[in-house]
Amino acid sequence: MTCRLMVITFAVLYAVAISLFLVGTFDWFELQTGPLAGLLLIPLGLPWSLIEAPDAIRLPLGIGAPFLNLVILWVACRLIRKRNL
């Protein structure tokens, strides 16, 4: 139950961070755009967001790193649940 709650909480935080990034980047709702739009994605994507990458793949890496952590967390929870049964 605790593991499932962690996965759901992380997924909700990731969805909020992605939506704030999109709103801040593409000027939706006539809000001011700025370079801090993806700031919430950085801590969710650690340690993958610290990888030095070329500019061409920095944006997809920054958006995909929290998703990779979500998948790792989900797989780990599935393995723990399967082991406990």
Protein backbone atom coordinates (compact mmCIF):
# COMPACT_ATOMS: atom_id res chain seq x y z
CA MET A 1 0.00 0.00 0.00
CA THR A 2 2.81 2.41 0.86
CA CYS A 3 4.64 1.62 -2.35
CA ARG A 4 1.52 2.21 -4.44
CA LEU A 5 0.99 5.55 -2.68
CA MET A 6 4.57 6.57 -3.49
CA VAL A 7 4.11 5.74 -7.17
CA ILE A 8 0.82 7.63 -7.36
CA THR A 9 2.28 10.65 -5.55
CA PHE A 10 5.31 10.72 -7.84
CA ALA A 11 3.07 10.41 -10.91
CA VAL A 12 0.90 13.32 -9.75
CA LEU A 13 3.96 15.47 -9.05
CA TYR A 14 5.33 14.60 -12.49
CA ALA A 15 2.03 15.52 -14.15
CA VAL A 16 1.96 18.86 -12.29
CA ALA A 17 5.59 19.59 -13.23
CA ILE A 18 4.97 18.77 -16.91
CA SER A 19 1.84 20.92 -17.03
CA LEU A 20 3.63 23.86 -15.38
CA PHE A 21 6.50 23.41 -17.82
CA LEU A 22 4.15 23.48 -20.80
CA VAL A 23 2.24 26.49 -19.47
CA GLY A 24 5.47 28.38 -18.80
CA THR A 25 7.11 27.44 -22.10
CA PHE A 26 4.28 27.93 -24.60
CA ASP A 27 2.67 30.98 -22.96
CA TRP A 28 -0.67 29.31 -22.32
CA PHE A 29 -3.19 31.31 -20.28
CA GLU A 30 -1.21 34.44 -21.20
CA LEU A 31 1.32 33.91 -18.41
CA GLN A 32 4.85 35.20 -18.64
CA THR A 33 7.31 32.72 -20.12
CA GLY A 34 10.73 32.25 -18.63
CA PRO A 35 13.68 29.92 -18.21
CA LEU A 36 12.41 28.62 -14.86
CA ALA A 37 9.46 26.81 -16.40
CA GLY A 38 11.13 23.40 -16.09
CA LEU A 39 12.60 23.94 -12.65
CA LEU A 40 10.29 21.40 -10.99
CA LEU A 41 11.39 18.69 -13.42
CA ILE A 42 15.00 18.80 -12.25
CA PRO A 43 14.58 17.34 -8.73
CA LEU A 44 12.08 14.77 -9.99
CA GLY A 45 14.58 13.59 -12.59
CA LEU A 46 17.61 13.21 -10.36
CA PRO A 47 20.17 11.69 -10.92
CA TRP A 48 19.49 11.58 -14.68
CA SER A 49 18.93 15.32 -14.96
CA LEU A 50 22.56 15.93 -13.94
CA ILE A 51 23.94 14.23 -17.05
CA GLU A 52 25.90 16.60 -19.27
CA ALA A 53 24.28 16.35 -22.69
CA PRO A 54 24.38 18.30 -25.95
CA ASP A 55 21.77 21.00 -26.37
CA ALA A 56 19.83 18.94 -28.90
CA ILE A 57 18.89 16.26 -26.37
CA ARG A 58 18.88 18.30 -23.15
CA LEU A 59 15.15 19.12 -23.37
CA PRO A 60 13.95 15.54 -24.07
CA LEU A 61 16.29 14.28 -21.35
CA GLY A 62 14.94 16.81 -18.87
CA ILE A 63 11.35 15.85 -19.63
CA GLY A 64 12.01 12.11 -19.79
CA ALA A 65 14.21 11.76 -16.73
CA PRO A 66 11.33 11.93 -14.22
CA PHE A 67 9.43 9.41 -16.35
CA LEU A 68 12.40 7.05 -16.14
CA ASN A 69 12.38 7.43 -12.36
CA LEU A 70 8.64 6.75 -12.32
CA VAL A 71 9.15 3.54 -14.30
CA ILE A 72 12.00 2.44 -12.01
CA LEU A 73 9.86 3.13 -8.94
CA TRP A 74 6.91 1.25 -10.41
CA VAL A 75 9.04 -1.79 -11.33
CA ALA A 76 10.65 -1.82 -7.89
CA CYS A 77 7.24 -1.75 -6.23
CA ARG A 78 6.01 -4.58 -8.43
CA LEU A 79 9.05 -6.68 -7.55
CA ILE A 80 8.63 -5.99 -3.83
CA ARG A 81 4.94 -6.87 -3.96
CA LYS A 82 5.64 -10.07 -5.94
CA ARG A 83 8.36 -11.09 -3.48
CA ASN A 84 6.07 -10.56 -0.47
CA LEU A 85 3.31 -12.77 -1.85
